[in-house]
Every structure is written in C-alpha cells, then in structure tokens.
C-alpha cells in the first residue's frame, strides 16, 4: 500500500507546478480532511486516465461483483469504524494489468480484474482483499505515513503538501526510512481486515485462503519486501487468526 496511486502524468504536472511556483498550500496543518481531499483528486485523475484508455469498468459483470462484495464490507466498516459512515465511497474495476487493489483515504476503491483473475480469487478471497484495503483507509494509514515522514524530515513542514505526498511514493531515501512503518501497517491491515470481513459474515477460514494464494504466487514467499511482510508470514498469521475466530467463544 502506498499513500496514493503512482501516476507518472500527475507527477510530471506536479513537478512543473512546483518549478513554476504554482504549488499548493504548505504541508502544515496536516489533517485527515486534506489527505482525503488529495486522495479524491488523485482518484478522479486516475479514473479519467483509465476511462480515456478504455480500461475503466470495461466488464460490467466484474464491476458489479466487486461492488456487491464491497457493499457488505462498507456497511460493516460503518459499524466498526463509525467515521467511515460519512465517506463518499466509490468502487470501480479496471482492466489495467499493472493495478491490483486499493482503497484510498475517504473510501475510493479500485480493483483490477487482471489481479483477481491471476490469483483466481473466490468471493470470500476478494472480500479479504477489499477488507484489507478498507482497513488501510479506516485506520488512516495514509495520514500516519505522512505524519511519520514529517517526523523524519521536519523540513517538509515548510514545503507544499502535494510535494510531500509525491515524496512518500517516489523519494527513494524517504521511502526506505518509511519502510518499517509500511510493513507494520500491512500487518495491521491484514489483521483488521480479516476481523472486518468476519464481522460482515464471511467465514474466517475462507478469508484466510487469500493469503495462501498470495504466498503460492510469490517468487520470494519467505522474505519481506521493502513495504510488505513475507507472504508466508502473512498466511501463517491469517490462518492463526481465522482459527481463533472460528473457535467456540469459550475456547478463544
């Protein structure tokens, strides 16, 4: 998970604006509302680019499937994370093979049909993917990442907010320093997402199977990446949590 979609065209426009002295307001104050507004703008740009390329919701049945699975999770999120009830949720599908699944701040969801097909995800496994991404947004992981970046490099407080947003996804040195937080956030979203989907009525053991497929699809299943825990460790943790949730209440 990254703070925002990596969009080369948007990044180029941002750089030009900075060079021309047309950048937006300074980073501080850093608020949830600013993060959500920036995410909404990036999401709108992303959808427009996909639409122009004929890659936005090209298969209505797939988009309908994603929206059906997402609907129950969104309703459950409103109960587990009441602030999300006020979000203006959007859910779209894409045929872009470079996309996987994301839920940006404020509830902006985008899922690739290619990703779902590549892992041959069942509805329960798709629910796990969506719940994981929704958990990132509900737990304000974008905001926490930006806050950590400011703590690591206080000079960003006097720079444009848009530049900080770009840096957390493209500045190699900053990304390396944020990597431990990113890995921890992935673990947190794994745990919180499985709980969310289980609360929404999905069988925990079926949800956990997503991580088994993720492990099997990986060429480095036993190694952490720069921003994700090792797939094997994620599968092990999901399986353990699913077993606990499936146990009779007195045995938990």
C-alpha atoms as a PDB file:
ATOM      1  CA  UNK A   1       0.000   0.000   0.000  1.00  0.00           C
ATOM      2  CA  UNK A   2       1.232   3.445  -0.884  1.00  0.00           C
ATOM      3  CA  UNK A   3      -0.247   6.773   0.052  1.00  0.00           C
ATOM      4  CA  UNK A   4      -1.588   7.495  -3.411  1.00  0.00           C
ATOM      5  CA  UNK A   5      -1.662   5.889  -6.847  1.00  0.00           C
ATOM      6  CA  UNK A   6       1.706   6.323  -8.612  1.00  0.00           C
ATOM      7  CA  UNK A   7       0.677   8.391 -11.619  1.00  0.00           C
ATOM      8  CA  UNK A   8       3.539   9.476 -13.907  1.00  0.00           C
ATOM      9  CA  UNK A   9       1.436  12.096 -15.687  1.00  0.00           C
ATOM     10  CA  UNK A  10       0.181  13.614 -12.455  1.00  0.00           C
ATOM     11  CA  UNK A  11       3.690  13.596 -11.014  1.00  0.00           C
ATOM     12  CA  UNK A  12       5.048  15.414 -14.057  1.00  0.00           C
ATOM     13  CA  UNK A  13       2.340  18.049 -13.752  1.00  0.00           C
ATOM     14  CA  UNK A  14       3.126  18.457 -10.068  1.00  0.00           C
ATOM     15  CA  UNK A  15       6.832  18.930 -10.726  1.00  0.00           C
ATOM     16  CA  UNK A  16       6.091  21.549 -13.386  1.00  0.00           C
ATOM     17  CA  UNK A  17       3.798  23.384 -10.978  1.00  0.00           C
ATOM     18  CA  UNK A  18       6.471  23.379  -8.303  1.00  0.00           C
ATOM     19  CA  UNK A  19       9.076  24.718 -10.706  1.00  0.00           C
ATOM     20  CA  UNK A  20       6.689  27.428 -11.819  1.00  0.00           C
ATOM     21  CA  UNK A  21       5.953  28.434  -8.240  1.00  0.00           C
ATOM     22  CA  UNK A  22       2.316  27.386  -8.525  1.00  0.00           C
ATOM     23  CA  UNK A  23       2.326  24.704  -5.838  1.00  0.00           C
ATOM     24  CA  UNK A  24      -0.431  24.445  -3.302  1.00  0.00           C
ATOM     25  CA  UNK A  25      -0.556  25.273   0.392  1.00  0.00           C
ATOM     26  CA  UNK A  26       2.164  24.285   2.818  1.00  0.00           C
ATOM     27  CA  UNK A  27       2.089  20.833   4.377  1.00  0.00           C
ATOM     28  CA  UNK A  28       1.042  22.014   7.834  1.00  0.00           C
ATOM     29  CA  UNK A  29      -1.542  21.671   9.175  1.00  0.00           C
ATOM     30  CA  UNK A  30      -1.669  18.013   8.184  1.00  0.00           C
ATOM     31  CA  UNK A  31      -5.258  16.827   8.611  1.00  0.00           C
ATOM     32  CA  UNK A  32      -7.403  13.864   7.688  1.00  0.00           C
ATOM     33  CA  UNK A  33      -9.562  16.166   5.568  1.00  0.00           C
ATOM     34  CA  UNK A  34      -6.601  17.331   3.481  1.00  0.00           C
ATOM     35  CA  UNK A  35      -5.420  13.784   2.938  1.00  0.00           C
ATOM     36  CA  UNK A  36      -8.903  12.670   1.866  1.00  0.00           C
ATOM     37  CA  UNK A  37      -9.301  15.646  -0.474  1.00  0.00           C
ATOM     38  CA  UNK A  38      -5.943  14.942  -2.110  1.00  0.00           C
ATOM     39  CA  UNK A  39      -6.846  11.265  -2.458  1.00  0.00           C
ATOM     40  CA  UNK A  40     -10.161  12.183  -4.101  1.00  0.00           C
ATOM     41  CA  UNK A  41      -8.351  14.390  -6.625  1.00  0.00           C
ATOM     42  CA  UNK A  42      -5.794  11.700  -7.453  1.00  0.00           C
ATOM     43  CA  UNK A  43      -8.559   9.096  -7.731  1.00  0.00           C
ATOM     44  CA  UNK A  44     -10.534  11.297 -10.129  1.00  0.00           C
ATOM     45  CA  UNK A  45      -7.432  11.751 -12.284  1.00  0.00           C
ATOM     46  CA  UNK A  46      -6.800   8.016 -12.231  1.00  0.00           C
ATOM     47  CA  UNK A  47     -10.368   7.219 -13.297  1.00  0.00           C
ATOM     48  CA  UNK A  48     -10.209   9.795 -16.087  1.00  0.00           C
ATOM     49  CA  UNK A  49      -6.977   8.286 -17.413  1.00  0.00           C
ATOM     50  CA  UNK A  50      -8.394   4.769 -17.288  1.00  0.00           C
ATOM     51  CA  UNK A  51     -11.593   5.898 -18.977  1.00  0.00           C
ATOM     52  CA  UNK A  52      -9.628   7.552 -21.782  1.00  0.00           C
ATOM     53  CA  UNK A  53      -7.716   4.298 -22.277  1.00  0.00           C
ATOM     54  CA  UNK A  54     -10.896   2.210 -22.301  1.00  0.00           C
ATOM     55  CA  UNK A  55      -9.830   0.491 -19.068  1.00  0.00           C
ATOM     56  CA  UNK A  56     -12.433   1.819 -16.614  1.00  0.00           C
ATOM     57  CA  UNK A  57     -15.176  -0.675 -15.747  1.00  0.00           C
ATOM     58  CA  UNK A  58     -14.816  -2.438 -19.124  1.00  0.00           C
ATOM     59  CA  UNK A  59     -16.555  -5.590 -17.868  1.00  0.00           C
ATOM     60  CA  UNK A  60     -19.814  -4.623 -16.129  1.00  0.00           C
ATOM     61  CA  UNK A  61     -20.179  -8.058 -14.528  1.00  0.00           C
ATOM     62  CA  UNK A  62     -16.808  -7.722 -12.811  1.00  0.00           C
ATOM     63  CA  UNK A  63     -17.568  -4.231 -11.505  1.00  0.00           C
ATOM     64  CA  UNK A  64     -20.935  -5.474 -10.263  1.00  0.00           C
ATOM     65  CA  UNK A  65     -19.214  -8.356  -8.470  1.00  0.00           C
ATOM     66  CA  UNK A  66     -16.721  -6.062  -6.759  1.00  0.00           C
ATOM     67  CA  UNK A  67     -19.467  -3.639  -5.731  1.00  0.00           C
ATOM     68  CA  UNK A  68     -21.618  -6.456  -4.368  1.00  0.00           C
ATOM     69  CA  UNK A  69     -18.800  -7.807  -2.217  1.00  0.00           C
ATOM     70  CA  UNK A  70     -17.713  -4.315  -1.180  1.00  0.00           C
ATOM     71  CA  UNK A  71     -21.223  -3.251  -0.137  1.00  0.00           C
ATOM     72  CA  UNK A  72     -21.355  -5.538   2.889  1.00  0.00           C
ATOM     73  CA  UNK A  73     -17.852  -4.559   3.944  1.00  0.00           C
ATOM     74  CA  UNK A  74     -18.632  -0.852   3.643  1.00  0.00           C
ATOM     75  CA  UNK A  75     -21.753  -1.327   5.761  1.00  0.00           C
ATOM     76  CA  UNK A  76     -19.728  -3.219   8.357  1.00  0.00           C
ATOM     77  CA  UNK A  77     -16.999  -0.574   8.318  1.00  0.00           C
ATOM     78  CA  UNK A  78     -19.613   1.999   9.305  1.00  0.00           C
ATOM     79  CA  UNK A  79     -20.260  -0.092  12.419  1.00  0.00           C
ATOM     80  CA  UNK A  80     -16.649  -0.930  13.252  1.00  0.00           C
ATOM     81  CA  UNK A  81     -15.258   2.482  12.252  1.00  0.00           C
ATOM     82  CA  UNK A  82     -18.170   4.960  12.590  1.00  0.00           C
ATOM     83  CA  UNK A  83     -16.304   7.839  10.929  1.00  0.00           C
ATOM     84  CA  UNK A  84     -16.401   5.951   7.631  1.00  0.00           C
ATOM     85  CA  UNK A  85     -20.200   6.213   7.508  1.00  0.00           C
ATOM     86  CA  UNK A  86     -19.837   9.786   6.245  1.00  0.00           C
ATOM     87  CA  UNK A  87     -17.406   8.915   3.462  1.00  0.00           C
ATOM     88  CA  UNK A  88     -18.423   9.246  -0.189  1.00  0.00           C
ATOM     89  CA  UNK A  89     -17.473   5.733  -1.211  1.00  0.00           C
ATOM     90  CA  UNK A  90     -16.687   4.909  -4.822  1.00  0.00           C
ATOM     91  CA  UNK A  91     -15.966   1.443  -6.228  1.00  0.00           C
ATOM     92  CA  UNK A  92     -14.625   0.780  -9.717  1.00  0.00           C
ATOM     93  CA  UNK A  93     -12.991  -2.006 -11.664  1.00  0.00           C
ATOM     94  CA  UNK A  94     -10.262  -1.789 -14.264  1.00  0.00           C
ATOM     95  CA  UNK A  95      -8.562  -3.953 -16.854  1.00  0.00           C
ATOM     96  CA  UNK A  96      -5.190  -2.298 -16.176  1.00  0.00           C
ATOM     97  CA  UNK A  97      -2.785  -5.226 -15.626  1.00  0.00           C
ATOM     98  CA  UNK A  98      -0.474  -3.060 -13.504  1.00  0.00           C
ATOM     99  CA  UNK A  99      -3.181  -2.303 -10.941  1.00  0.00           C
ATOM    100  CA  UNK A 100      -4.029  -4.641  -8.071  1.00  0.00           C
ATOM    101  CA  UNK A 101      -6.444  -3.333  -5.426  1.00  0.00           C
ATOM    102  CA  UNK A 102      -6.528  -0.076  -3.469  1.00  0.00           C
ATOM    103  CA  UNK A 103      -8.798   1.830  -1.141  1.00  0.00           C
ATOM    104  CA  UNK A 104      -7.619   5.398  -0.858  1.00  0.00           C
ATOM    105  CA  UNK A 105      -8.377   7.748   2.008  1.00  0.00           C
ATOM    106  CA  UNK A 106     -12.062   8.601   2.080  1.00  0.00           C
ATOM    107  CA  UNK A 107     -13.200   5.309   0.557  1.00  0.00           C
ATOM    108  CA  UNK A 108     -12.028   5.403  -3.063  1.00  0.00           C
ATOM    109  CA  UNK A 109     -11.712   1.780  -4.252  1.00  0.00           C
ATOM    110  CA  UNK A 110     -10.164   0.484  -7.470  1.00  0.00           C
ATOM    111  CA  UNK A 111      -9.686  -3.212  -8.267  1.00  0.00           C
ATOM    112  CA  UNK A 112      -8.028  -4.826 -11.272  1.00  0.00           C
ATOM    113  CA  UNK A 113      -9.816  -7.704 -12.957  1.00  0.00           C
ATOM    114  CA  UNK A 114      -6.400  -8.976 -14.068  1.00  0.00           C
ATOM    115  CA  UNK A 115      -5.258  -9.238 -10.443  1.00  0.00           C
ATOM    116  CA  UNK A 116      -8.396 -11.085  -9.355  1.00  0.00           C
ATOM    117  CA  UNK A 117      -8.121 -13.444 -12.334  1.00  0.00           C
ATOM    118  CA  UNK A 118      -4.406 -14.047 -11.827  1.00  0.00           C
ATOM    119  CA  UNK A 119      -4.998 -15.300  -8.281  1.00  0.00           C
ATOM    120  CA  UNK A 120      -8.348 -16.926  -9.194  1.00  0.00           C
ATOM    121  CA  UNK A 121      -9.997 -15.284  -6.197  1.00  0.00           C
ATOM    122  CA  UNK A 122     -13.265 -16.586  -4.827  1.00  0.00           C
ATOM    123  CA  UNK A 123     -15.785 -14.077  -3.500  1.00  0.00           C
ATOM    124  CA  UNK A 124     -14.517 -14.684   0.044  1.00  0.00           C
ATOM    125  CA  UNK A 125     -10.930 -14.090  -1.054  1.00  0.00           C
ATOM    126  CA  UNK A 126     -11.991 -10.958  -2.920  1.00  0.00           C
ATOM    127  CA  UNK A 127     -13.715  -9.848   0.287  1.00  0.00           C
ATOM    128  CA  UNK A 128     -10.410 -10.310   2.113  1.00  0.00           C
ATOM    129  CA  UNK A 129      -8.569  -8.157  -0.423  1.00  0.00           C
ATOM    130  CA  UNK A 130     -11.183  -5.425  -0.187  1.00  0.00           C
ATOM    131  CA  UNK A 131     -11.368  -5.597   3.611  1.00  0.00           C
ATOM    132  CA  UNK A 132      -7.586  -5.305   3.843  1.00  0.00           C
ATOM    133  CA  UNK A 133      -7.638  -2.184   1.682  1.00  0.00           C
ATOM    134  CA  UNK A 134     -10.629  -0.711   3.520  1.00  0.00           C
ATOM    135  CA  UNK A 135      -8.766  -1.271   6.793  1.00  0.00           C
ATOM    136  CA  UNK A 136      -5.842   0.784   5.491  1.00  0.00           C
ATOM    137  CA  UNK A 137      -8.216   3.690   4.865  1.00  0.00           C
ATOM    138  CA  UNK A 138     -10.255   3.267   8.062  1.00  0.00           C
ATOM    139  CA  UNK A 139      -7.076   3.193  10.156  1.00  0.00           C
ATOM    140  CA  UNK A 140      -5.859   6.404   8.477  1.00  0.00           C
ATOM    141  CA  UNK A 141      -2.659   4.779   7.267  1.00  0.00           C
ATOM    142  CA  UNK A 142      -2.114   7.472   4.612  1.00  0.00           C
ATOM    143  CA  UNK A 143      -2.214  10.178   7.270  1.00  0.00           C
ATOM    144  CA  UNK A 144       0.039   8.199   9.635  1.00  0.00           C
ATOM    145  CA  UNK A 145       2.603   7.726   6.866  1.00  0.00           C
ATOM    146  CA  UNK A 146       2.680  11.445   6.116  1.00  0.00           C
ATOM    147  CA  UNK A 147       2.973  12.231   9.829  1.00  0.00           C
ATOM    148  CA  UNK A 148       5.933   9.862  10.113  1.00  0.00           C
ATOM    149  CA  UNK A 149       7.566  11.454   7.078  1.00  0.00           C
ATOM    150  CA  UNK A 150       7.277  14.855   8.757  1.00  0.00           C
ATOM    151  CA  UNK A 151       8.783  13.462  11.954  1.00  0.00           C
ATOM    152  CA  UNK A 152      11.692  12.002   9.995  1.00  0.00           C
ATOM    153  CA  UNK A 153      12.253  15.130   7.911  1.00  0.00           C
ATOM    154  CA  UNK A 154      10.746  18.219   9.629  1.00  0.00           C
ATOM    155  CA  UNK A 155      11.771  20.453   6.714  1.00  0.00           C
ATOM    156  CA  UNK A 156       8.760  19.110   4.813  1.00  0.00           C
ATOM    157  CA  UNK A 157       6.555  21.248   7.073  1.00  0.00           C
ATOM    158  CA  UNK A 158       7.552  24.307   5.059  1.00  0.00           C
ATOM    159  CA  UNK A 159       7.095  22.716   1.657  1.00  0.00           C
ATOM    160  CA  UNK A 160       3.952  22.183  -0.439  1.00  0.00           C
ATOM    161  CA  UNK A 161       1.643  19.415   0.732  1.00  0.00           C
ATOM    162  CA  UNK A 162       1.499  17.934  -2.770  1.00  0.00           C
ATOM    163  CA  UNK A 163       5.288  17.593  -2.798  1.00  0.00           C
ATOM    164  CA  UNK A 164       5.236  15.559   0.425  1.00  0.00           C
ATOM    165  CA  UNK A 165       2.504  13.333  -0.991  1.00  0.00           C
ATOM    166  CA  UNK A 166       4.677  12.726  -4.043  1.00  0.00           C
ATOM    167  CA  UNK A 167       7.811  12.105  -1.975  1.00  0.00           C
ATOM    168  CA  UNK A 168       6.386   9.291   0.147  1.00  0.00           C
ATOM    169  CA  UNK A 169       5.814   7.321  -3.060  1.00  0.00           C
ATOM    170  CA  UNK A 170       8.831   8.389  -5.123  1.00  0.00           C
ATOM    171  CA  UNK A 171      11.694   9.653  -2.928  1.00  0.00           C
ATOM    172  CA  UNK A 172      13.874   6.567  -2.525  1.00  0.00           C
ATOM    173  CA  UNK A 173      15.621   7.710   0.661  1.00  0.00           C
ATOM    174  CA  UNK A 174      12.384   8.715   2.371  1.00  0.00           C
ATOM    175  CA  UNK A 175      10.662   5.513   1.244  1.00  0.00           C
ATOM    176  CA  UNK A 176      13.480   3.440   2.755  1.00  0.00           C
ATOM    177  CA  UNK A 177      13.105   5.231   6.076  1.00  0.00           C
ATOM    178  CA  UNK A 178       9.333   4.721   5.976  1.00  0.00           C
ATOM    179  CA  UNK A 179       9.645   1.008   5.139  1.00  0.00           C
ATOM    180  CA  UNK A 180       9.346  -0.281   8.753  1.00  0.00           C
ATOM    181  CA  UNK A 181       6.119   1.685   9.189  1.00  0.00           C
ATOM    182  CA  UNK A 182       4.774   0.391   5.868  1.00  0.00           C
ATOM    183  CA  UNK A 183       5.461  -3.222   6.859  1.00  0.00           C
ATOM    184  CA  UNK A 184       3.776  -2.673  10.238  1.00  0.00           C
ATOM    185  CA  UNK A 185       0.766  -1.082   8.538  1.00  0.00           C
ATOM    186  CA  UNK A 186       0.414  -4.061   6.216  1.00  0.00           C
ATOM    187  CA  UNK A 187       0.331  -6.416   9.196  1.00  0.00           C
ATOM    188  CA  UNK A 188      -2.223  -4.194  10.913  1.00  0.00           C
ATOM    189  CA  UNK A 189      -4.414  -4.088   7.787  1.00  0.00           C
ATOM    190  CA  UNK A 190      -4.171  -7.878   7.434  1.00  0.00           C
ATOM    191  CA  UNK A 191      -5.430  -8.337  10.991  1.00  0.00           C
ATOM    192  CA  UNK A 192      -8.049  -5.575  10.980  1.00  0.00           C
ATOM    193  CA  UNK A 193      -9.257  -6.507   7.510  1.00  0.00           C
ATOM    194  CA  UNK A 194      -9.835 -10.130   8.413  1.00  0.00           C
ATOM    195  CA  UNK A 195     -11.761  -9.042  11.506  1.00  0.00           C
ATOM    196  CA  UNK A 196     -13.834  -6.610   9.425  1.00  0.00           C
ATOM    197  CA  UNK A 197     -14.733  -9.229   6.823  1.00  0.00           C
ATOM    198  CA  UNK A 198     -15.513 -11.817   9.501  1.00  0.00           C
ATOM    199  CA  UNK A 199     -17.785  -9.322  11.255  1.00  0.00           C
ATOM    200  CA  UNK A 200     -19.516  -8.815   7.885  1.00  0.00           C
ATOM    201  CA  UNK A 201     -20.345 -12.525   7.810  1.00  0.00           C
ATOM    202  CA  UNK A 202     -17.589 -14.095   5.725  1.00  0.00           C
ATOM    203  CA  UNK A 203     -16.197 -17.400   7.077  1.00  0.00           C
ATOM    204  CA  UNK A 204     -12.743 -16.639   8.538  1.00  0.00           C
ATOM    205  CA  UNK A 205     -11.100 -19.775   7.160  1.00  0.00           C
ATOM    206  CA  UNK A 206     -12.228 -18.888   3.623  1.00  0.00           C
ATOM    207  CA  UNK A 207     -10.950 -15.335   4.015  1.00  0.00           C
ATOM    208  CA  UNK A 208      -7.531 -16.589   5.090  1.00  0.00           C
ATOM    209  CA  UNK A 209      -7.161 -18.580   1.873  1.00  0.00           C
ATOM    210  CA  UNK A 210      -6.350 -15.346   0.055  1.00  0.00           C
ATOM    211  CA  UNK A 211      -3.004 -15.260   1.852  1.00  0.00           C
ATOM    212  CA  UNK A 212      -2.306 -18.856   0.894  1.00  0.00           C
ATOM    213  CA  UNK A 213      -2.787 -17.934  -2.762  1.00  0.00           C
ATOM    214  CA  UNK A 214      -0.645 -14.844  -2.299  1.00  0.00           C
ATOM    215  CA  UNK A 215       2.142 -16.982  -0.861  1.00  0.00           C
ATOM    216  CA  UNK A 216       1.930 -19.518  -3.674  1.00  0.00           C
ATOM    217  CA  UNK A 217       2.056 -16.779  -6.313  1.00  0.00           C
ATOM    218  CA  UNK A 218       5.154 -15.155  -4.816  1.00  0.00           C
ATOM    219  CA  UNK A 219       8.665 -15.888  -6.052  1.00  0.00           C
ATOM    220  CA  UNK A 220      10.024 -14.914  -2.607  1.00  0.00           C
ATOM    221  CA  UNK A 221       7.404 -16.243  -0.185  1.00  0.00           C
ATOM    222  CA  UNK A 222       9.665 -16.306   2.878  1.00  0.00           C
ATOM    223  CA  UNK A 223      11.193 -12.845   2.567  1.00  0.00           C
ATOM    224  CA  UNK A 224       9.873  -9.410   3.480  1.00  0.00           C
ATOM    225  CA  UNK A 225       9.801  -6.842   0.684  1.00  0.00           C
ATOM    226  CA  UNK A 226      10.552  -3.161   1.202  1.00  0.00           C
ATOM    227  CA  UNK A 227       6.985  -2.452   2.266  1.00  0.00           C
ATOM    228  CA  UNK A 228       5.251  -5.808   2.852  1.00  0.00           C
ATOM    229  CA  UNK A 229       5.804  -8.709   5.249  1.00  0.00           C
ATOM    230  CA  UNK A 230       6.799 -12.070   3.779  1.00  0.00           C
ATOM    231  CA  UNK A 231       3.776 -13.761   2.146  1.00  0.00           C
ATOM    232  CA  UNK A 232       4.381 -16.920   4.195  1.00  0.00           C
ATOM    233  CA  UNK A 233       4.244 -14.970   7.456  1.00  0.00           C
ATOM    234  CA  UNK A 234       1.025 -13.260   6.348  1.00  0.00           C
ATOM    235  CA  UNK A 235      -0.546 -16.631   5.542  1.00  0.00           C
ATOM    236  CA  UNK A 236       0.554 -18.013   8.913  1.00  0.00           C
ATOM    237  CA  UNK A 237      -0.883 -15.031  10.814  1.00  0.00           C
ATOM    238  CA  UNK A 238      -4.165 -15.097   8.867  1.00  0.00           C
ATOM    239  CA  UNK A 239      -4.573 -18.815   9.438  1.00  0.00           C
ATOM    240  CA  UNK A 240      -3.970 -18.395  13.183  1.00  0.00           C
ATOM    241  CA  UNK A 241      -6.473 -15.539  13.452  1.00  0.00           C
ATOM    242  CA  UNK A 242      -9.054 -17.441  11.403  1.00  0.00           C
ATOM    243  CA  UNK A 243      -8.684 -20.466  13.687  1.00  0.00           C
ATOM    244  CA  UNK A 244      -9.229 -18.271  16.732  1.00  0.00           C
ATOM    245  CA  UNK A 245     -12.296 -16.615  15.236  1.00  0.00           C
ATOM    246  CA  UNK A 246     -13.784 -19.945  14.172  1.00  0.00           C
ATOM    247  CA  UNK A 247     -13.365 -21.495  17.625  1.00  0.00           C
ATOM    248  CA  UNK A 248     -16.334 -21.606  20.018  1.00  0.00           C
ATOM    249  CA  UNK A 249     -16.382 -18.473  22.160  1.00  0.00           C
ATOM    250  CA  UNK A 250     -15.377 -20.308  25.328  1.00  0.00           C
ATOM    251  CA  UNK A 251     -12.269 -21.697  23.637  1.00  0.00           C
ATOM    252  CA  UNK A 252     -10.882 -18.390  22.357  1.00  0.00           C
END
